[in-house]
Structure formats: C-alpha cells, structure tokens
C-alpha cells in the first residue's frame, strides 16, 4: 500500500486532523492544541473559538465528538484526558481569526518592528486583520502592518 505523504504523522497532526473534521461543519475554529504528559497520563488540551464566541453546550458537543473520533481511531495511545475549552480573554491571540474578531480592541503586543527589526512592546489598537497580517495603531498615531510571524505575543488589553 503506497504511503500518502500528506497523511498526518505526528500525534499533534493526527489530533489536528480529527479536530478539523469535527469543526468543519460548524461555525467554530481551532485555536491551539497542547499535548502534555506521556503514554497513559497524557492531557490533550484543545482550544476552540468562534467569531461570535462559543457556549458551554457547544464546547461539550465538540468535546464529545472529538473524544469519540480519537477513541474510535485510537489516535492517542493509552489513556488520556481530553480538555476542550475556549481560549478566554486572558489567553494570547494565536489564530488569524482571533485577531479578526478583535479588530477595534486594544492589545498588549510584543512584536518585531517592521522598520528596524527591533523587539517592541506596546499597547496598541488593532485596526485591521486578515489571513496574512494585522494593522496596529501605536499610541503616537502611526500605524504598522505586521505579518503574523513578526508577532511574538499578543493579548487583549482589558480596560480595568
């Protein structure tokens, strides 16, 4: 049987493929996956969001469906704990759709300056976001467009 070069090979890739298939017919998207521990004690944390947020009932349904698929296909060797949650307001933004849904909000951001490559730390206003980059407005009023790879960390700046 020929080997499919596009088939997922790592545990992370296999879990991402399962989550993608479960989320495909929904309005939700994968933010991140974190796998900790060793065979028999693994914890699989899956962070899911939606453009209009996500409710507890939807998280429970996604958890049930992902868990079923992981178990049926024996994706995770040994026993494991599955935790499906929303990223929450205090978690860093990592997915382009997270940035897109937060246009107009203030962010605390660490990034590589597009002009000189230096690392910058600022509280900025997110003025635009697409699949490739974000545009931020600095406190000085100037704007920068940053590709996602230039952003080291970005979190929503809470107003209190």
N, C-alpha and C. Protein backbone atom coordinates (compact mmCIF):
# COMPACT_ATOMS: atom_id res chain seq x y z
N UNK A 1 0.85 -1.18 0.00
CA UNK A 1 0.00 0.00 0.00
C UNK A 1 0.89 1.24 0.00
N UNK A 2 0.70 2.18 -0.94
CA UNK A 2 1.56 3.35 -1.03
C UNK A 2 1.37 4.26 0.18
N UNK A 3 2.45 4.92 0.56
CA UNK A 3 2.42 5.84 1.69
C UNK A 3 1.93 7.20 1.20
N UNK A 4 0.90 7.74 1.84
CA UNK A 4 0.36 9.05 1.50
C UNK A 4 1.20 10.11 2.20
N UNK A 5 2.00 10.86 1.46
CA UNK A 5 2.90 11.85 2.03
C UNK A 5 2.14 12.96 2.75
N UNK A 6 0.87 13.15 2.43
CA UNK A 6 0.10 14.22 3.07
C UNK A 6 -0.62 13.73 4.33
N UNK A 7 -0.53 12.45 4.64
CA UNK A 7 -1.20 11.91 5.82
C UNK A 7 -0.51 12.41 7.08
N UNK A 8 -1.29 12.77 8.10
CA UNK A 8 -0.68 13.24 9.34
C UNK A 8 0.17 12.14 9.98
N UNK A 9 1.33 12.52 10.51
CA UNK A 9 2.22 11.52 11.08
C UNK A 9 2.46 11.70 12.57
N UNK A 10 2.55 12.94 13.05
CA UNK A 10 2.78 13.15 14.48
C UNK A 10 1.46 13.12 15.23
N UNK A 11 1.53 12.90 16.52
CA UNK A 11 0.32 12.89 17.33
C UNK A 11 -0.42 14.22 17.21
N UNK A 12 0.33 15.32 17.27
CA UNK A 12 -0.28 16.65 17.12
C UNK A 12 -1.02 16.77 15.79
N UNK A 13 -0.39 16.35 14.69
CA UNK A 13 -1.02 16.42 13.37
C UNK A 13 -2.27 15.56 13.30
N UNK A 14 -2.21 14.37 13.89
CA UNK A 14 -3.37 13.47 13.87
C UNK A 14 -4.54 14.07 14.64
N UNK A 15 -4.25 14.66 15.81
CA UNK A 15 -5.32 15.28 16.60
C UNK A 15 -5.88 16.48 15.86
N UNK A 16 -5.01 17.29 15.27
CA UNK A 16 -5.48 18.45 14.49
C UNK A 16 -6.40 18.01 13.35
N UNK A 17 -6.07 16.91 12.70
CA UNK A 17 -6.90 16.41 11.59
C UNK A 17 -8.28 16.01 12.11
N UNK A 18 -8.33 15.35 13.26
CA UNK A 18 -9.61 14.95 13.85
C UNK A 18 -10.42 16.19 14.21
N UNK A 19 -9.79 17.14 14.88
CA UNK A 19 -10.49 18.36 15.29
C UNK A 19 -11.00 19.11 14.05
N UNK A 20 -10.18 19.20 13.02
CA UNK A 20 -10.60 19.89 11.79
C UNK A 20 -11.84 19.23 11.19
N UNK A 21 -11.88 17.90 11.19
CA UNK A 21 -13.04 17.21 10.61
C UNK A 21 -14.29 17.43 11.46
N UNK A 22 -14.13 17.50 12.78
CA UNK A 22 -15.28 17.74 13.66
C UNK A 22 -15.77 19.18 13.51
N UNK A 23 -14.84 20.14 13.39
CA UNK A 23 -15.23 21.55 13.32
C UNK A 23 -15.69 22.00 11.94
N UNK A 24 -15.30 21.26 10.90
CA UNK A 24 -15.60 21.67 9.52
C UNK A 24 -17.08 22.07 9.31
N UNK A 25 -18.06 21.30 9.77
CA UNK A 25 -19.44 21.69 9.52
C UNK A 25 -19.99 22.73 10.51
N UNK A 26 -19.16 23.22 11.42
CA UNK A 26 -19.62 24.18 12.43
C UNK A 26 -19.12 25.58 12.10
N UNK A 27 -19.50 26.52 12.94
CA UNK A 27 -19.02 27.90 12.78
C UNK A 27 -17.81 28.18 13.67
N UNK A 28 -17.21 27.14 14.21
CA UNK A 28 -16.10 27.29 15.14
C UNK A 28 -14.77 26.94 14.48
N UNK A 29 -13.68 27.39 15.11
CA UNK A 29 -12.36 27.15 14.57
C UNK A 29 -11.39 26.76 15.68
N UNK A 30 -10.37 26.02 15.29
CA UNK A 30 -9.33 25.59 16.21
C UNK A 30 -8.38 26.75 16.47
N UNK A 31 -8.11 26.98 17.75
CA UNK A 31 -7.12 27.99 18.13
C UNK A 31 -5.78 27.32 18.36
N UNK A 32 -5.76 26.30 19.20
CA UNK A 32 -4.49 25.65 19.51
C UNK A 32 -4.73 24.29 20.14
N UNK A 33 -3.70 23.47 20.09
CA UNK A 33 -3.69 22.17 20.75
C UNK A 33 -2.41 22.07 21.56
N UNK A 34 -2.54 21.61 22.79
CA UNK A 34 -1.37 21.35 23.62
C UNK A 34 -1.47 19.93 24.15
N UNK A 35 -0.40 19.18 23.99
CA UNK A 35 -0.35 17.80 24.46
C UNK A 35 0.75 17.72 25.51
N UNK A 36 0.37 17.27 26.71
CA UNK A 36 1.34 17.14 27.80
C UNK A 36 1.32 15.72 28.32
N UNK A 37 2.41 15.34 28.98
CA UNK A 37 2.48 14.04 29.62
C UNK A 37 3.00 12.96 28.69
N UNK A 38 2.92 11.74 29.18
CA UNK A 38 3.42 10.58 28.46
C UNK A 38 2.31 9.56 28.29
N UNK A 39 2.59 8.54 27.52
CA UNK A 39 1.61 7.49 27.26
C UNK A 39 0.97 7.04 28.58
N UNK A 40 -0.34 7.05 28.61
CA UNK A 40 -1.10 6.62 29.78
C UNK A 40 -1.44 7.76 30.73
N UNK A 41 -0.74 8.89 30.61
CA UNK A 41 -1.02 10.03 31.50
C UNK A 41 -1.17 11.31 30.69
N UNK A 42 -1.40 11.19 29.40
CA UNK A 42 -1.46 12.38 28.54
C UNK A 42 -2.67 13.24 28.86
N UNK A 43 -2.47 14.55 28.68
CA UNK A 43 -3.55 15.52 28.72
C UNK A 43 -3.54 16.20 27.36
N UNK A 44 -4.67 16.16 26.68
CA UNK A 44 -4.83 16.81 25.38
C UNK A 44 -5.75 18.00 25.59
N UNK A 45 -5.18 19.19 25.49
CA UNK A 45 -5.96 20.43 25.64
C UNK A 45 -6.21 21.01 24.26
N UNK A 46 -7.48 21.22 23.97
CA UNK A 46 -7.88 21.76 22.68
C UNK A 46 -8.62 23.06 22.94
N UNK A 47 -8.16 24.12 22.30
CA UNK A 47 -8.78 25.43 22.46
C UNK A 47 -9.53 25.76 21.17
N UNK A 48 -10.83 26.06 21.31
CA UNK A 48 -11.72 26.30 20.18
C UNK A 48 -12.43 27.63 20.40
N UNK A 49 -12.67 28.35 19.32
CA UNK A 49 -13.36 29.64 19.43
C UNK A 49 -14.30 29.80 18.25
N UNK A 50 -15.07 30.86 18.28
CA UNK A 50 -15.97 31.19 17.18
C UNK A 50 -15.94 32.69 16.98
N UNK A 51 -16.31 33.14 15.81
CA UNK A 51 -16.30 34.57 15.52
C UNK A 51 -17.22 35.34 16.46
N UNK A 52 -18.25 34.68 16.97
CA UNK A 52 -19.18 35.30 17.91
C UNK A 52 -19.08 34.65 19.29
N UNK A 53 -17.91 34.06 19.60
CA UNK A 53 -17.74 33.36 20.87
C UNK A 53 -18.24 31.92 20.76
N UNK A 54 -18.23 31.24 21.91
CA UNK A 54 -18.66 29.84 21.93
C UNK A 54 -19.26 29.56 23.30
N UNK A 55 -20.34 28.81 23.32
CA UNK A 55 -21.04 28.50 24.56
C UNK A 55 -20.64 27.15 25.13
N UNK A 56 -21.02 26.94 26.39
CA UNK A 56 -20.71 25.69 27.09
C UNK A 56 -21.31 24.46 26.39
N UNK A 57 -22.55 24.59 25.91
CA UNK A 57 -23.18 23.44 25.24
C UNK A 57 -22.42 23.06 23.97
N UNK A 58 -21.97 24.06 23.23
CA UNK A 58 -21.22 23.77 22.00
C UNK A 58 -19.87 23.16 22.34
N UNK A 59 -19.20 23.65 23.39
CA UNK A 59 -17.93 23.06 23.81
C UNK A 59 -18.12 21.60 24.22
N UNK A 60 -19.21 21.32 24.93
CA UNK A 60 -19.48 19.94 25.36
C UNK A 60 -19.72 19.04 24.14
N UNK A 61 -20.45 19.54 23.15
CA UNK A 61 -20.71 18.74 21.94
C UNK A 61 -19.41 18.49 21.16
N UNK A 62 -18.59 19.50 21.04
CA UNK A 62 -17.32 19.34 20.33
C UNK A 62 -16.43 18.35 21.08
N UNK A 63 -16.38 18.47 22.40
CA UNK A 63 -15.59 17.56 23.22
C UNK A 63 -16.05 16.11 23.03
N UNK A 64 -17.37 15.92 23.05
CA UNK A 64 -17.93 14.58 22.87
C UNK A 64 -17.55 14.02 21.50
N UNK A 65 -17.71 14.83 20.44
CA UNK A 65 -17.43 14.37 19.08
C UNK A 65 -15.94 14.12 18.86
N UNK A 66 -15.08 15.03 19.35
CA UNK A 66 -13.64 14.84 19.20
C UNK A 66 -13.20 13.61 19.98
N UNK A 67 -13.66 13.48 21.22
CA UNK A 67 -13.31 12.31 22.04
C UNK A 67 -13.72 11.01 21.38
N UNK A 68 -14.92 10.98 20.80
CA UNK A 68 -15.39 9.78 20.11
C UNK A 68 -14.46 9.43 18.96
N UNK A 69 -14.13 10.42 18.12
CA UNK A 69 -13.26 10.17 16.96
C UNK A 69 -11.86 9.74 17.40
N UNK A 70 -11.32 10.39 18.43
CA UNK A 70 -9.99 10.00 18.91
C UNK A 70 -9.99 8.56 19.41
N UNK A 71 -11.07 8.18 20.10
CA UNK A 71 -11.14 6.82 20.65
C UNK A 71 -11.38 5.77 19.57
N UNK A 72 -12.30 6.05 18.65
CA UNK A 72 -12.60 5.09 17.59
C UNK A 72 -11.37 4.81 16.73
N UNK A 73 -10.64 5.87 16.41
CA UNK A 73 -9.46 5.72 15.56
C UNK A 73 -8.19 5.42 16.37
N UNK A 74 -8.33 5.32 17.69
CA UNK A 74 -7.19 5.06 18.59
C UNK A 74 -6.02 5.98 18.26
N UNK A 75 -6.32 7.27 18.18
CA UNK A 75 -5.32 8.27 17.81
C UNK A 75 -4.31 8.48 18.94
N UNK A 76 -4.78 8.54 20.18
CA UNK A 76 -3.91 8.78 21.33
C UNK A 76 -3.65 7.44 22.01
N UNK A 77 -2.40 6.95 21.96
CA UNK A 77 -2.10 5.67 22.59
C UNK A 77 -2.27 5.74 24.12
N UNK A 78 -2.87 4.71 24.69
CA UNK A 78 -3.06 4.67 26.14
C UNK A 78 -4.19 5.57 26.58
N UNK A 79 -4.34 5.68 27.90
CA UNK A 79 -5.39 6.55 28.41
C UNK A 79 -4.93 8.00 28.35
N UNK A 80 -5.90 8.90 28.30
CA UNK A 80 -5.60 10.33 28.21
C UNK A 80 -6.79 11.10 28.76
N UNK A 81 -6.56 12.36 29.07
CA UNK A 81 -7.61 13.27 29.48
C UNK A 81 -7.78 14.30 28.38
N UNK A 82 -9.02 14.51 27.97
CA UNK A 82 -9.32 15.48 26.93
C UNK A 82 -9.97 16.70 27.57
N UNK A 83 -9.43 17.87 27.26
CA UNK A 83 -9.97 19.13 27.78
C UNK A 83 -10.22 20.05 26.59
N UNK A 84 -11.49 20.32 26.29
CA UNK A 84 -11.85 21.23 25.21
C UNK A 84 -12.43 22.48 25.85
N UNK A 85 -11.85 23.64 25.52
CA UNK A 85 -12.31 24.89 26.13
C UNK A 85 -12.13 26.04 25.15
N UNK A 86 -12.69 27.18 25.51
CA UNK A 86 -12.45 28.40 24.75
C UNK A 86 -11.18 29.03 25.30
N UNK A 87 -10.50 29.85 24.49
CA UNK A 87 -9.23 30.39 24.96
C UNK A 87 -9.36 31.39 26.10
N UNK A 88 -10.49 32.04 26.25
CA UNK A 88 -10.64 33.02 27.32
C UNK A 88 -9.96 34.34 26.98
N UNK A 89 -10.40 35.37 27.64
CA UNK A 89 -9.95 36.72 27.34
C UNK A 89 -8.49 36.96 27.72
N UNK A 90 -7.98 36.20 28.68
CA UNK A 90 -6.61 36.43 29.15
C UNK A 90 -5.56 35.64 28.39
N UNK A 91 -5.97 34.75 27.50
CA UNK A 91 -5.03 33.93 26.74
C UNK A 91 -4.51 34.70 25.53
N UNK A 92 -3.28 34.45 25.12
CA UNK A 92 -2.75 35.13 23.93
C UNK A 92 -3.54 34.80 22.67
N UNK A 93 -3.59 35.76 21.77
CA UNK A 93 -4.20 35.53 20.46
C UNK A 93 -3.17 34.81 19.60
N UNK A 94 -3.58 33.75 18.92
CA UNK A 94 -2.64 33.00 18.09
C UNK A 94 -3.15 32.76 16.67
N UNK A 95 -4.45 32.69 16.48
CA UNK A 95 -5.02 32.37 15.17
C UNK A 95 -5.48 33.65 14.47
N UNK A 96 -5.28 33.74 13.15
CA UNK A 96 -5.74 34.93 12.43
C UNK A 96 -7.21 35.28 12.72
N UNK A 97 -8.07 34.28 12.83
CA UNK A 97 -9.49 34.58 13.08
C UNK A 97 -9.69 35.21 14.45
N UNK A 98 -8.81 34.91 15.42
CA UNK A 98 -8.91 35.57 16.72
C UNK A 98 -8.60 37.07 16.57
N UNK A 99 -7.59 37.38 15.79
CA UNK A 99 -7.26 38.79 15.56
C UNK A 99 -8.41 39.47 14.82
N UNK A 100 -8.96 38.80 13.81
CA UNK A 100 -10.03 39.38 13.01
C UNK A 100 -11.25 39.71 13.87
N UNK A 101 -11.58 38.84 14.81
CA UNK A 101 -12.77 39.09 15.63
C UNK A 101 -12.53 40.17 16.69
N UNK A 102 -11.27 40.57 16.88
CA UNK A 102 -10.95 41.58 17.89
C UNK A 102 -10.50 42.90 17.30
N UNK A 103 -10.75 43.13 16.01
CA UNK A 103 -10.44 44.42 15.40
C UNK A 103 -11.19 45.51 16.17
N UNK A 104 -10.47 46.60 16.46
CA UNK A 104 -11.06 47.71 17.21
C UNK A 104 -10.70 47.68 18.69
N UNK A 105 -10.16 46.58 19.16
CA UNK A 105 -9.79 46.45 20.57
C UNK A 105 -8.33 46.81 20.78
N UNK A 106 -8.02 47.11 22.03
CA UNK A 106 -6.62 47.36 22.38
C UNK A 106 -5.93 46.05 22.70
N UNK A 107 -4.68 45.94 22.26
CA UNK A 107 -3.86 44.76 22.51
C UNK A 107 -2.58 45.17 23.22
N UNK A 108 -2.10 44.31 24.08
CA UNK A 108 -0.74 44.41 24.61
C UNK A 108 0.05 43.44 23.73
N UNK A 109 1.05 43.97 23.03
CA UNK A 109 1.70 43.19 21.99
C UNK A 109 3.23 43.30 22.08
N UNK A 110 3.87 42.20 21.78
CA UNK A 110 5.32 42.13 21.63
C UNK A 110 5.56 41.71 20.20
N UNK A 111 6.32 42.53 19.46
CA UNK A 111 6.50 42.25 18.04
C UNK A 111 7.86 42.73 17.57
N UNK A 112 8.24 42.26 16.40
CA UNK A 112 9.47 42.72 15.75
C UNK A 112 9.10 43.88 14.83
N UNK A 113 9.68 45.05 15.10
CA UNK A 113 9.37 46.27 14.36
C UNK A 113 9.68 46.07 12.87
N UNK A 114 8.73 46.40 11.99
CA UNK A 114 8.95 46.18 10.55
C UNK A 114 10.02 47.11 9.98
N UNK A 115 10.30 48.23 10.64
CA UNK A 115 11.28 49.18 10.12
C UNK A 115 12.71 48.78 10.44
N UNK A 116 12.97 48.38 11.69
CA UNK A 116 14.36 48.10 12.07
C UNK A 116 14.57 46.71 12.67
N UNK A 117 13.51 45.90 12.79
CA UNK A 117 13.64 44.54 13.31
C UNK A 117 13.78 44.44 14.81
N UNK A 118 13.78 45.58 15.51
CA UNK A 118 13.91 45.54 16.96
C UNK A 118 12.63 45.02 17.60
N UNK A 119 12.78 44.46 18.80
CA UNK A 119 11.62 43.96 19.52
C UNK A 119 10.94 45.12 20.23
N UNK A 120 9.64 45.23 20.04
CA UNK A 120 8.86 46.31 20.62
C UNK A 120 7.78 45.75 21.54
N UNK A 121 7.47 46.48 22.59
CA UNK A 121 6.38 46.16 23.50
C UNK A 121 5.48 47.38 23.52
N UNK A 122 4.23 47.21 23.19
CA UNK A 122 3.31 48.34 23.14
C UNK A 122 1.90 47.91 23.49
N UNK A 123 1.10 48.89 23.91
CA UNK A 123 -0.35 48.73 23.94
C UNK A 123 -0.83 49.49 22.71
N UNK A 124 -1.51 48.78 21.83
CA UNK A 124 -1.89 49.31 20.52
C UNK A 124 -3.37 49.08 20.28
N UNK A 125 -3.89 49.73 19.25
CA UNK A 125 -5.24 49.44 18.78
C UNK A 125 -5.13 48.59 17.53
N UNK A 126 -5.83 47.48 17.53
CA UNK A 126 -5.87 46.61 16.36
C UNK A 126 -6.88 47.20 15.39
N UNK A 127 -6.39 47.70 14.25
CA UNK A 127 -7.29 48.39 13.31
C UNK A 127 -7.73 47.53 12.13
N UNK A 128 -6.98 46.47 11.84
CA UNK A 128 -7.36 45.58 10.73
C UNK A 128 -6.63 44.26 10.90
N UNK A 129 -7.22 43.20 10.34
CA UNK A 129 -6.60 41.88 10.36
C UNK A 129 -7.17 41.06 9.21
N UNK A 130 -6.28 40.35 8.54
CA UNK A 130 -6.72 39.40 7.51
C UNK A 130 -5.96 38.10 7.73
N UNK A 131 -5.93 37.24 6.73
CA UNK A 131 -5.27 35.94 6.91
C UNK A 131 -3.75 36.03 6.91
N UNK A 132 -3.20 37.16 6.48
CA UNK A 132 -1.74 37.30 6.35
C UNK A 132 -1.10 38.21 7.39
N UNK A 133 -1.82 39.27 7.82
CA UNK A 133 -1.19 40.29 8.66
C UNK A 133 -2.23 41.07 9.46
N UNK A 134 -1.73 41.87 10.40
CA UNK A 134 -2.57 42.78 11.17
C UNK A 134 -2.06 44.20 10.96
N UNK A 135 -2.93 45.16 11.14
CA UNK A 135 -2.53 46.56 11.17
C UNK A 135 -2.82 47.08 12.56
N UNK A 136 -1.80 47.71 13.15
CA UNK A 136 -1.94 48.25 14.50
C UNK A 136 -1.70 49.74 14.48
N UNK A 137 -2.37 50.44 15.38
CA UNK A 137 -2.13 51.86 15.57
C UNK A 137 -1.43 52.05 16.90
N UNK A 138 -0.26 52.66 16.85
CA UNK A 138 0.53 52.91 18.05
C UNK A 138 -0.03 54.11 18.81
N UNK A 139 0.33 54.27 20.08
CA UNK A 139 -0.12 55.43 20.85
C UNK A 139 0.24 56.76 20.18
N UNK A 140 1.33 56.78 19.41
CA UNK A 140 1.74 58.00 18.71
C UNK A 140 0.83 58.35 17.55
N UNK A 141 -0.03 57.41 17.14
CA UNK A 141 -0.91 57.61 16.00
C UNK A 141 -0.40 56.98 14.72
N UNK A 142 0.87 56.57 14.69
CA UNK A 142 1.40 55.92 13.50
C UNK A 142 0.86 54.48 13.43
N UNK A 143 0.87 53.93 12.23
CA UNK A 143 0.38 52.56 12.05
C UNK A 143 1.47 51.68 11.47
N UNK A 144 1.38 50.40 11.79
CA UNK A 144 2.28 49.39 11.24
C UNK A 144 1.42 48.22 10.78
N UNK A 145 1.81 47.63 9.68
CA UNK A 145 1.22 46.37 9.27
C UNK A 145 2.25 45.29 9.59
N UNK A 146 1.81 44.31 10.36
CA UNK A 146 2.71 43.24 10.81
C UNK A 146 2.24 41.90 10.28
N UNK A 147 3.12 41.17 9.62
CA UNK A 147 2.76 39.78 9.29
C UNK A 147 2.71 39.00 10.60
N UNK A 148 1.92 37.95 10.65
CA UNK A 148 1.76 37.19 11.89
C UNK A 148 3.08 36.67 12.44
N UNK A 149 4.01 36.32 11.56
CA UNK A 149 5.29 35.78 12.06
C UNK A 149 6.11 36.83 12.82
N UNK A 150 5.79 38.12 12.66
CA UNK A 150 6.50 39.18 13.39
C UNK A 150 5.95 39.38 14.81
N UNK A 151 4.79 38.79 15.08
CA UNK A 151 4.16 38.95 16.39
C UNK A 151 4.63 37.83 17.31
N UNK A 152 5.29 38.21 18.39
CA UNK A 152 5.76 37.21 19.35
C UNK A 152 4.67 36.87 20.36
N UNK A 153 3.89 37.87 20.75
CA UNK A 153 2.82 37.63 21.72
C UNK A 153 1.83 38.79 21.64
N UNK A 154 0.55 38.47 21.71
CA UNK A 154 -0.50 39.49 21.69
C UNK A 154 -1.64 39.05 22.59
N UNK A 155 -2.05 39.94 23.47
CA UNK A 155 -3.18 39.67 24.36
C UNK A 155 -4.11 40.87 24.35
N UNK A 156 -5.37 40.62 24.56
CA UNK A 156 -6.33 41.70 24.67
C UNK A 156 -6.02 42.50 25.93
N UNK A 157 -5.97 43.81 25.81
CA UNK A 157 -5.73 44.69 26.94
C UNK A 157 -7.09 44.99 27.57
N UNK A 158 -7.26 44.52 28.78
CA UNK A 158 -8.53 44.73 29.47
C UNK A 158 -8.63 46.17 29.95
N UNK A 159 -9.84 46.74 29.92
CA UNK A 159 -9.99 48.18 30.22
C UNK A 159 -9.90 48.52 31.72
N UNK A 160 -9.71 47.56 32.59
CA UNK A 160 -9.62 47.88 34.01
C UNK A 160 -8.26 47.58 34.57
